[in-house]
Amino acid sequence: MVSVSSDLLQTWIISLLWPLTRILGVIAAAPIFNHSSIPNQVKLGLGITLTLIIVPTLPAMPNFEIFSFQGLLILVQQLVIGLAIGFSMRLVFSAVELAGQLIGMSMGLGFASFYDPQTQGQSTAVNQFLVLLSMLIFLSLDGHLLIVTAVANSFTSMPISVGGSSINPMKIALWGETIFSAGLLLALPAVTALLITNMALGILTKTAPQLNLFGIGFPITLSIGFVVLALSLPGMLKPIQNFIEQGVNNMSQVAVPTVATTLPAK
């Protein structure tokens, strides 16, 4: 009969638990992986599968008890690192969502909004269209595989240890600062054209008050909005691709390697 000591069992558990925590953190925050249409059982199964594949390539881990202070500290650290890696890519889709929201509101489609379970808020039809487009571009660039690769490489640049790595909050804050500018630049052609259209309608109303602005304004604005969106759509593909590539690069810059702190093992 094969007997397993408690120390060996604990080594097996921590060798799976800590990497699994980081990977599940990425799955919980990264786009595509965290989509609400994917059952939680599938997400957990994917995390366990990736953990079993990555664990044999990892260096030796600290030998702390699971429920010790150091063990719980490492557990929380892995969760935060995973969430930060996934969030850095989520910022890219936030910029696209902002662009879609600006275009939709400028077209007068603010009333055509519905509840989006992914963002837990209201979303316009144009917003959903651009998000789906960015997801297709993301998948065509093998973005899902790049996320898995970035997670696997993170265990080399950010090894599992107490004080081995720390999140750089200022860098993440600077990335968040670019959301508004990136989304605004993406929506600028359509928003500018619709702004000129609204100004022209305003001048037309002043010169010809007998015209029913509400009767002709909305169809004209909506039609011009769709035409401008169709014309500017080819020009949006390259910026969205650049956003995604930048997000992939940002995932490797989430944490700042530091000198690992050596603590006595329990």
C-alpha atoms as a PDB file:
ATOM      1  CA  MET A   1       0.000   0.000   0.000  1.00  0.00           C
ATOM      2  CA  VAL A   2       1.356   3.386  -1.022  1.00  0.00           C
ATOM      3  CA  SER A   3       1.500   5.848   1.851  1.00  0.00           C
ATOM      4  CA  VAL A   4       1.735   9.592   1.388  1.00  0.00           C
ATOM      5  CA  SER A   5       3.169  11.737   4.143  1.00  0.00           C
ATOM      6  CA  SER A   6       1.501  14.974   5.162  1.00  0.00           C
ATOM      7  CA  ASP A   7       4.555  16.984   4.082  1.00  0.00           C
ATOM      8  CA  LEU A   8       4.468  15.473   0.598  1.00  0.00           C
ATOM      9  CA  LEU A   9       0.726  16.055   0.341  1.00  0.00           C
ATOM     10  CA  GLN A  10       1.178  19.680   1.373  1.00  0.00           C
ATOM     11  CA  THR A  11       3.906  20.117  -1.247  1.00  0.00           C
ATOM     12  CA  TRP A  12       1.560  18.803  -3.929  1.00  0.00           C
ATOM     13  CA  ILE A  13      -1.247  21.088  -2.816  1.00  0.00           C
ATOM     14  CA  ILE A  14       0.787  24.302  -2.707  1.00  0.00           C
ATOM     15  CA  SER A  15       2.463  23.484  -6.036  1.00  0.00           C
ATOM     16  CA  LEU A  16      -1.006  23.492  -7.611  1.00  0.00           C
ATOM     17  CA  LEU A  17      -2.897  25.999  -5.454  1.00  0.00           C
ATOM     18  CA  TRP A  18      -0.642  29.038  -5.854  1.00  0.00           C
ATOM     19  CA  PRO A  19      -0.259  28.833  -9.668  1.00  0.00           C
ATOM     20  CA  LEU A  20      -3.975  28.026  -9.985  1.00  0.00           C
ATOM     21  CA  THR A  21      -4.845  31.163  -8.012  1.00  0.00           C
ATOM     22  CA  ARG A  22      -2.867  33.389 -10.385  1.00  0.00           C
ATOM     23  CA  ILE A  23      -4.333  31.707 -13.475  1.00  0.00           C
ATOM     24  CA  LEU A  24      -7.898  31.959 -12.161  1.00  0.00           C
ATOM     25  CA  GLY A  25      -7.276  35.645 -11.435  1.00  0.00           C
ATOM     26  CA  VAL A  26      -6.337  36.170 -15.087  1.00  0.00           C
ATOM     27  CA  ILE A  27      -9.394  34.229 -16.283  1.00  0.00           C
ATOM     28  CA  ALA A  28     -11.636  36.307 -14.007  1.00  0.00           C
ATOM     29  CA  ALA A  29     -10.402  39.623 -15.453  1.00  0.00           C
ATOM     30  CA  ALA A  30      -9.172  38.980 -19.009  1.00  0.00           C
ATOM     31  CA  PRO A  31     -11.535  39.538 -21.956  1.00  0.00           C
ATOM     32  CA  ILE A  32     -13.003  36.512 -23.745  1.00  0.00           C
ATOM     33  CA  PHE A  33     -12.104  34.263 -20.798  1.00  0.00           C
ATOM     34  CA  ASN A  34     -14.319  36.131 -18.343  1.00  0.00           C
ATOM     35  CA  HIS A  35     -17.343  36.372 -20.626  1.00  0.00           C
ATOM     36  CA  SER A  36     -20.600  35.775 -18.782  1.00  0.00           C
ATOM     37  CA  SER A  37     -21.748  33.232 -21.388  1.00  0.00           C
ATOM     38  CA  ILE A  38     -18.967  30.844 -20.336  1.00  0.00           C
ATOM     39  CA  PRO A  39     -20.059  28.676 -17.365  1.00  0.00           C
ATOM     40  CA  ASN A  40     -17.974  28.925 -14.223  1.00  0.00           C
ATOM     41  CA  GLN A  41     -17.331  25.182 -14.400  1.00  0.00           C
ATOM     42  CA  VAL A  42     -15.660  25.644 -17.787  1.00  0.00           C
ATOM     43  CA  LYS A  43     -13.536  28.516 -16.452  1.00  0.00           C
ATOM     44  CA  LEU A  44     -12.449  26.427 -13.469  1.00  0.00           C
ATOM     45  CA  GLY A  45     -11.685  23.449 -15.699  1.00  0.00           C
ATOM     46  CA  LEU A  46      -9.623  25.648 -18.017  1.00  0.00           C
ATOM     47  CA  GLY A  47      -7.697  27.039 -15.054  1.00  0.00           C
ATOM     48  CA  ILE A  48      -6.939  23.572 -13.691  1.00  0.00           C
ATOM     49  CA  THR A  49      -5.864  22.337 -17.134  1.00  0.00           C
ATOM     50  CA  LEU A  50      -3.493  25.260 -17.669  1.00  0.00           C
ATOM     51  CA  THR A  51      -2.119  24.801 -14.158  1.00  0.00           C
ATOM     52  CA  LEU A  52      -1.343  21.129 -14.759  1.00  0.00           C
ATOM     53  CA  ILE A  53       0.465  22.076 -17.980  1.00  0.00           C
ATOM     54  CA  ILE A  54       2.467  24.980 -16.513  1.00  0.00           C
ATOM     55  CA  VAL A  55       3.380  23.558 -13.076  1.00  0.00           C
ATOM     56  CA  PRO A  56       6.053  21.071 -14.335  1.00  0.00           C
ATOM     57  CA  THR A  57       7.984  23.991 -15.863  1.00  0.00           C
ATOM     58  CA  LEU A  58       8.000  26.109 -12.698  1.00  0.00           C
ATOM     59  CA  PRO A  59      10.986  26.415 -10.352  1.00  0.00           C
ATOM     60  CA  ALA A  60      10.856  25.212  -6.765  1.00  0.00           C
ATOM     61  CA  MET A  61       8.318  27.049  -4.624  1.00  0.00           C
ATOM     62  CA  PRO A  62       8.622  28.263  -1.024  1.00  0.00           C
ATOM     63  CA  ASN A  63       7.902  25.559   1.514  1.00  0.00           C
ATOM     64  CA  PHE A  64       5.328  27.270   3.721  1.00  0.00           C
ATOM     65  CA  GLU A  65       2.264  25.802   5.319  1.00  0.00           C
ATOM     66  CA  ILE A  66      -0.913  26.607   3.417  1.00  0.00           C
ATOM     67  CA  PHE A  67      -2.674  28.356   6.284  1.00  0.00           C
ATOM     68  CA  SER A  68       0.387  30.104   7.662  1.00  0.00           C
ATOM     69  CA  PHE A  69       0.761  33.870   7.356  1.00  0.00           C
ATOM     70  CA  GLN A  70       3.353  33.507   4.603  1.00  0.00           C
ATOM     71  CA  GLY A  71       1.224  30.959   2.742  1.00  0.00           C
ATOM     72  CA  LEU A  72      -1.874  33.160   2.800  1.00  0.00           C
ATOM     73  CA  LEU A  73       0.226  36.180   1.810  1.00  0.00           C
ATOM     74  CA  ILE A  74       1.504  34.353  -1.259  1.00  0.00           C
ATOM     75  CA  LEU A  75      -2.053  33.241  -2.090  1.00  0.00           C
ATOM     76  CA  VAL A  76      -3.350  36.823  -2.021  1.00  0.00           C
ATOM     77  CA  GLN A  77      -0.318  38.017  -3.958  1.00  0.00           C
ATOM     78  CA  GLN A  78      -0.953  35.510  -6.760  1.00  0.00           C
ATOM     79  CA  LEU A  79      -4.603  36.543  -6.982  1.00  0.00           C
ATOM     80  CA  VAL A  80      -3.707  40.238  -7.248  1.00  0.00           C
ATOM     81  CA  ILE A  81      -1.052  39.574  -9.900  1.00  0.00           C
ATOM     82  CA  GLY A  82      -3.495  37.497 -11.947  1.00  0.00           C
ATOM     83  CA  LEU A  83      -6.213  40.140 -11.741  1.00  0.00           C
ATOM     84  CA  ALA A  84      -3.735  42.865 -12.724  1.00  0.00           C
ATOM     85  CA  ILE A  85      -2.554  40.897 -15.771  1.00  0.00           C
ATOM     86  CA  GLY A  86      -6.108  40.323 -16.961  1.00  0.00           C
ATOM     87  CA  PHE A  87      -7.156  43.896 -16.202  1.00  0.00           C
ATOM     88  CA  SER A  88      -4.335  45.314 -18.332  1.00  0.00           C
ATOM     89  CA  MET A  89      -5.891  43.640 -21.383  1.00  0.00           C
ATOM     90  CA  ARG A  90      -9.416  44.563 -20.276  1.00  0.00           C
ATOM     91  CA  LEU A  91      -8.435  48.232 -20.580  1.00  0.00           C
ATOM     92  CA  VAL A  92      -8.143  47.776 -24.351  1.00  0.00           C
ATOM     93  CA  PHE A  93     -11.773  46.719 -24.656  1.00  0.00           C
ATOM     94  CA  SER A  94     -12.801  49.551 -22.350  1.00  0.00           C
ATOM     95  CA  ALA A  95     -11.394  52.027 -24.881  1.00  0.00           C
ATOM     96  CA  VAL A  96     -13.425  50.376 -27.651  1.00  0.00           C
ATOM     97  CA  GLU A  97     -16.545  50.439 -25.469  1.00  0.00           C
ATOM     98  CA  LEU A  98     -16.042  54.151 -24.837  1.00  0.00           C
ATOM     99  CA  ALA A  99     -15.750  54.803 -28.580  1.00  0.00           C
ATOM    100  CA  GLY A 100     -18.939  52.867 -29.270  1.00  0.00           C
ATOM    101  CA  GLN A 101     -20.763  54.711 -26.508  1.00  0.00           C
ATOM    102  CA  LEU A 102     -19.719  58.111 -27.883  1.00  0.00           C
ATOM    103  CA  ILE A 103     -20.739  57.226 -31.439  1.00  0.00           C
ATOM    104  CA  GLY A 104     -24.053  55.731 -30.340  1.00  0.00           C
ATOM    105  CA  MET A 105     -24.988  58.753 -28.252  1.00  0.00           C
ATOM    106  CA  SER A 106     -24.007  61.129 -31.076  1.00  0.00           C
ATOM    107  CA  MET A 107     -26.229  59.198 -33.492  1.00  0.00           C
ATOM    108  CA  GLY A 108     -29.177  59.569 -31.149  1.00  0.00           C
ATOM    109  CA  LEU A 109     -29.236  55.896 -30.218  1.00  0.00           C
ATOM    110  CA  GLY A 110     -29.081  56.567 -26.504  1.00  0.00           C
ATOM    111  CA  PHE A 111     -32.619  55.248 -26.182  1.00  0.00           C
ATOM    112  CA  ALA A 112     -31.634  52.026 -27.986  1.00  0.00           C
ATOM    113  CA  SER A 113     -29.599  50.778 -25.047  1.00  0.00           C
ATOM    114  CA  PHE A 114     -29.966  47.536 -23.183  1.00  0.00           C
ATOM    115  CA  TYR A 115     -28.488  45.817 -20.170  1.00  0.00           C
ATOM    116  CA  ASP A 116     -25.076  44.300 -20.774  1.00  0.00           C
ATOM    117  CA  PRO A 117     -24.323  41.521 -18.267  1.00  0.00           C
ATOM    118  CA  GLN A 118     -20.636  41.722 -19.136  1.00  0.00           C
ATOM    119  CA  THR A 119     -20.195  45.319 -17.987  1.00  0.00           C
ATOM    120  CA  GLN A 120     -23.142  45.304 -15.553  1.00  0.00           C
ATOM    121  CA  GLY A 121     -24.511  48.469 -17.170  1.00  0.00           C
ATOM    122  CA  GLN A 122     -26.351  49.956 -20.135  1.00  0.00           C
ATOM    123  CA  SER A 123     -24.839  49.476 -23.576  1.00  0.00           C
ATOM    124  CA  THR A 124     -25.809  50.840 -27.003  1.00  0.00           C
ATOM    125  CA  ALA A 125     -26.081  48.826 -30.207  1.00  0.00           C
ATOM    126  CA  VAL A 126     -23.035  50.563 -31.713  1.00  0.00           C
ATOM    127  CA  ASN A 127     -21.091  49.791 -28.557  1.00  0.00           C
ATOM    128  CA  GLN A 128     -21.904  46.092 -28.816  1.00  0.00           C
ATOM    129  CA  PHE A 129     -21.017  46.065 -32.516  1.00  0.00           C
ATOM    130  CA  LEU A 130     -17.563  47.556 -31.940  1.00  0.00           C
ATOM    131  CA  VAL A 131     -16.920  45.247 -28.971  1.00  0.00           C
ATOM    132  CA  LEU A 132     -17.806  42.191 -31.073  1.00  0.00           C
ATOM    133  CA  LEU A 133     -15.563  43.509 -33.848  1.00  0.00           C
ATOM    134  CA  SER A 134     -12.669  43.958 -31.427  1.00  0.00           C
ATOM    135  CA  MET A 135     -13.231  40.437 -30.076  1.00  0.00           C
ATOM    136  CA  LEU A 136     -13.010  39.008 -33.601  1.00  0.00           C
ATOM    137  CA  ILE A 137      -9.795  40.953 -34.220  1.00  0.00           C
ATOM    138  CA  PHE A 138      -8.508  39.758 -30.846  1.00  0.00           C
ATOM    139  CA  LEU A 139      -9.167  36.118 -31.759  1.00  0.00           C
ATOM    140  CA  SER A 140      -7.736  36.538 -35.274  1.00  0.00           C
ATOM    141  CA  LEU A 141      -4.489  37.768 -33.698  1.00  0.00           C
ATOM    142  CA  ASP A 142      -4.447  34.699 -31.403  1.00  0.00           C
ATOM    143  CA  GLY A 143      -4.935  37.033 -28.474  1.00  0.00           C
ATOM    144  CA  HIS A 144      -6.291  34.230 -26.302  1.00  0.00           C
ATOM    145  CA  LEU A 145      -3.093  32.258 -26.886  1.00  0.00           C
ATOM    146  CA  LEU A 146      -0.991  35.360 -26.210  1.00  0.00           C
ATOM    147  CA  ILE A 147      -2.719  35.744 -22.842  1.00  0.00           C
ATOM    148  CA  VAL A 148      -1.899  32.128 -21.966  1.00  0.00           C
ATOM    149  CA  THR A 149       1.711  32.700 -23.054  1.00  0.00           C
ATOM    150  CA  ALA A 150       1.937  35.890 -20.985  1.00  0.00           C
ATOM    151  CA  VAL A 151       0.622  34.063 -17.916  1.00  0.00           C
ATOM    152  CA  ALA A 152       3.139  31.251 -18.372  1.00  0.00           C
ATOM    153  CA  ASN A 153       5.993  33.742 -18.801  1.00  0.00           C
ATOM    154  CA  SER A 154       4.851  35.693 -15.751  1.00  0.00           C
ATOM    155  CA  PHE A 155       5.957  32.834 -13.508  1.00  0.00           C
ATOM    156  CA  THR A 156       9.511  33.474 -14.739  1.00  0.00           C
ATOM    157  CA  SER A 157       9.491  37.266 -14.447  1.00  0.00           C
ATOM    158  CA  MET A 158       7.309  37.213 -11.317  1.00  0.00           C
ATOM    159  CA  PRO A 159       8.145  33.963  -9.500  1.00  0.00           C
ATOM    160  CA  ILE A 160       6.039  32.694  -6.644  1.00  0.00           C
ATOM    161  CA  SER A 161       7.742  33.964  -3.503  1.00  0.00           C
ATOM    162  CA  VAL A 162       7.193  36.269  -0.564  1.00  0.00           C
ATOM    163  CA  GLY A 163       8.213  39.735  -1.727  1.00  0.00           C
ATOM    164  CA  GLY A 164       9.406  38.386  -5.076  1.00  0.00           C
ATOM    165  CA  SER A 165       7.350  40.864  -7.086  1.00  0.00           C
ATOM    166  CA  SER A 166       5.050  43.782  -6.515  1.00  0.00           C
ATOM    167  CA  ILE A 167       2.350  45.435  -8.547  1.00  0.00           C
ATOM    168  CA  ASN A 168       3.232  48.792 -10.059  1.00  0.00           C
ATOM    169  CA  PRO A 169       0.026  50.810  -9.451  1.00  0.00           C
ATOM    170  CA  MET A 170       1.304  53.955 -11.149  1.00  0.00           C
ATOM    171  CA  LYS A 171       1.893  52.121 -14.409  1.00  0.00           C
ATOM    172  CA  ILE A 172      -1.618  50.641 -14.333  1.00  0.00           C
ATOM    173  CA  ALA A 173      -3.027  54.096 -13.544  1.00  0.00           C
ATOM    174  CA  LEU A 174      -1.219  55.546 -16.566  1.00  0.00           C
ATOM    175  CA  TRP A 175      -2.733  52.843 -18.764  1.00  0.00           C
ATOM    176  CA  GLY A 176      -6.160  53.724 -17.429  1.00  0.00           C
ATOM    177  CA  GLU A 177      -5.442  57.340 -18.294  1.00  0.00           C
ATOM    178  CA  THR A 178      -5.089  56.401 -21.961  1.00  0.00           C
ATOM    179  CA  ILE A 179      -8.585  54.860 -22.124  1.00  0.00           C
ATOM    180  CA  PHE A 180     -10.317  58.193 -22.647  1.00  0.00           C
ATOM    181  CA  SER A 181      -7.859  59.486 -25.251  1.00  0.00           C
ATOM    182  CA  ALA A 182      -7.780  56.183 -27.182  1.00  0.00           C
ATOM    183  CA  GLY A 183     -11.560  55.818 -27.212  1.00  0.00           C
ATOM    184  CA  LEU A 184     -12.047  59.466 -28.181  1.00  0.00           C
ATOM    185  CA  LEU A 185      -9.567  59.235 -31.070  1.00  0.00           C
ATOM    186  CA  LEU A 186     -11.272  56.064 -32.291  1.00  0.00           C
ATOM    187  CA  ALA A 187     -14.683  57.757 -32.316  1.00  0.00           C
ATOM    188  CA  LEU A 188     -13.446  61.177 -33.471  1.00  0.00           C
ATOM    189  CA  PRO A 189     -14.315  60.882 -37.217  1.00  0.00           C
ATOM    190  CA  ALA A 190     -17.894  59.785 -36.598  1.00  0.00           C
ATOM    191  CA  VAL A 191     -18.449  62.184 -33.697  1.00  0.00           C
ATOM    192  CA  THR A 192     -17.076  65.125 -35.719  1.00  0.00           C
ATOM    193  CA  ALA A 193     -19.298  64.351 -38.715  1.00  0.00           C
ATOM    194  CA  LEU A 194     -22.362  64.026 -36.504  1.00  0.00           C
ATOM    195  CA  LEU A 195     -21.498  67.258 -34.688  1.00  0.00           C
ATOM    196  CA  ILE A 196     -21.354  69.109 -38.016  1.00  0.00           C
ATOM    197  CA  THR A 197     -24.674  67.511 -38.977  1.00  0.00           C
ATOM    198  CA  ASN A 198     -26.326  68.674 -35.772  1.00  0.00           C
ATOM    199  CA  MET A 199     -24.941  72.184 -36.254  1.00  0.00           C
ATOM    200  CA  ALA A 200     -26.316  72.250 -39.806  1.00  0.00           C
ATOM    201  CA  LEU A 201     -29.714  71.103 -38.569  1.00  0.00           C
ATOM    202  CA  GLY A 202     -29.658  73.819 -35.921  1.00  0.00           C
ATOM    203  CA  ILE A 203     -28.888  76.496 -38.512  1.00  0.00           C
ATOM    204  CA  LEU A 204     -31.593  75.071 -40.779  1.00  0.00           C
ATOM    205  CA  THR A 205     -34.125  75.260 -37.972  1.00  0.00           C
ATOM    206  CA  LYS A 206     -33.283  78.916 -37.326  1.00  0.00           C
ATOM    207  CA  THR A 207     -33.584  79.861 -40.995  1.00  0.00           C
ATOM    208  CA  ALA A 208     -36.714  77.776 -41.601  1.00  0.00           C
ATOM    209  CA  PRO A 209     -38.680  77.518 -38.336  1.00  0.00           C
ATOM    210  CA  GLN A 210     -41.598  75.853 -40.114  1.00  0.00           C
ATOM    211  CA  LEU A 211     -39.529  72.689 -40.545  1.00  0.00           C
ATOM    212  CA  ASN A 212     -40.181  69.934 -38.034  1.00  0.00           C
ATOM    213  CA  LEU A 213     -36.728  69.357 -36.583  1.00  0.00           C
ATOM    214  CA  PHE A 214     -37.805  66.325 -34.594  1.00  0.00           C
ATOM    215  CA  GLY A 215     -39.398  64.825 -37.681  1.00  0.00           C
ATOM    216  CA  ILE A 216     -36.430  65.171 -40.023  1.00  0.00           C
ATOM    217  CA  GLY A 217     -33.508  65.570 -37.629  1.00  0.00           C
ATOM    218  CA  PHE A 218     -33.394  62.066 -36.225  1.00  0.00           C
ATOM    219  CA  PRO A 219     -33.594  60.200 -39.586  1.00  0.00           C
ATOM    220  CA  ILE A 220     -30.917  62.453 -41.070  1.00  0.00           C
ATOM    221  CA  THR A 221     -28.610  62.087 -38.059  1.00  0.00           C
ATOM    222  CA  LEU A 222     -29.125  58.333 -37.943  1.00  0.00           C
ATOM    223  CA  SER A 223     -28.536  57.880 -41.676  1.00  0.00           C
ATOM    224  CA  ILE A 224     -25.402  60.029 -41.708  1.00  0.00           C
ATOM    225  CA  GLY A 225     -24.170  58.223 -38.603  1.00  0.00           C
ATOM    226  CA  PHE A 226     -24.433  54.814 -40.253  1.00  0.00           C
ATOM    227  CA  VAL A 227     -22.786  56.088 -43.446  1.00  0.00           C
ATOM    228  CA  VAL A 228     -19.878  57.663 -41.548  1.00  0.00           C
ATOM    229  CA  LEU A 229     -19.515  54.551 -39.382  1.00  0.00           C
ATOM    230  CA  ALA A 230     -19.379  52.335 -42.482  1.00  0.00           C
ATOM    231  CA  LEU A 231     -16.800  54.608 -44.126  1.00  0.00           C
ATOM    232  CA  SER A 232     -14.626  54.905 -41.012  1.00  0.00           C
ATOM    233  CA  LEU A 233     -14.847  51.224 -40.078  1.00  0.00           C
ATOM    234  CA  PRO A 234     -11.861  50.128 -42.241  1.00  0.00           C
ATOM    235  CA  GLY A 235      -9.784  52.831 -40.584  1.00  0.00           C
ATOM    236  CA  MET A 236     -10.724  51.546 -37.126  1.00  0.00           C
ATOM    237  CA  LEU A 237      -9.300  48.067 -37.690  1.00  0.00           C
ATOM    238  CA  LYS A 238      -5.643  49.090 -37.494  1.00  0.00           C
ATOM    239  CA  PRO A 239      -6.028  51.221 -34.313  1.00  0.00           C
ATOM    240  CA  ILE A 240      -7.959  48.420 -32.610  1.00  0.00           C
ATOM    241  CA  GLN A 241      -5.216  45.986 -33.612  1.00  0.00           C
ATOM    242  CA  ASN A 242      -2.608  48.366 -32.189  1.00  0.00           C
ATOM    243  CA  PHE A 243      -4.614  48.639 -28.942  1.00  0.00           C
ATOM    244  CA  ILE A 244      -4.652  44.854 -28.611  1.00  0.00           C
ATOM    245  CA  GLU A 245      -0.926  44.529 -29.314  1.00  0.00           C
ATOM    246  CA  GLN A 246      -0.224  47.238 -26.745  1.00  0.00           C
ATOM    247  CA  GLY A 247      -2.417  45.406 -24.236  1.00  0.00           C
ATOM    248  CA  VAL A 248      -0.405  42.226 -24.774  1.00  0.00           C
ATOM    249  CA  ASN A 249       2.804  44.168 -24.116  1.00  0.00           C
ATOM    250  CA  ASN A 250       1.274  45.731 -21.018  1.00  0.00           C
ATOM    251  CA  MET A 251       0.542  42.312 -19.529  1.00  0.00           C
ATOM    252  CA  SER A 252       4.266  41.647 -19.202  1.00  0.00           C
ATOM    253  CA  GLN A 253       4.832  44.989 -17.442  1.00  0.00           C
ATOM    254  CA  VAL A 254       2.237  44.692 -14.690  1.00  0.00           C
ATOM    255  CA  ALA A 255       4.640  43.733 -11.920  1.00  0.00           C
ATOM    256  CA  VAL A 256       8.038  45.048 -10.982  1.00  0.00           C
ATOM    257  CA  PRO A 257      10.549  42.331 -10.068  1.00  0.00           C
ATOM    258  CA  THR A 258      12.173  42.896  -6.715  1.00  0.00           C
ATOM    259  CA  VAL A 259      14.619  41.034  -4.584  1.00  0.00           C
ATOM    260  CA  ALA A 260      12.919  38.056  -3.013  1.00  0.00           C
ATOM    261  CA  THR A 261      12.673  38.053   0.735  1.00  0.00           C
ATOM    262  CA  THR A 262      13.922  34.883   2.331  1.00  0.00           C
ATOM    263  CA  LEU A 263      11.817  33.750   5.263  1.00  0.00           C
ATOM    264  CA  PRO A 264      12.339  30.676   7.384  1.00  0.00           C
ATOM    265  CA  ALA A 265      10.160  27.769   6.315  1.00  0.00           C
ATOM    266  CA  LYS A 266       7.644  26.371   8.705  1.00  0.00           C
END
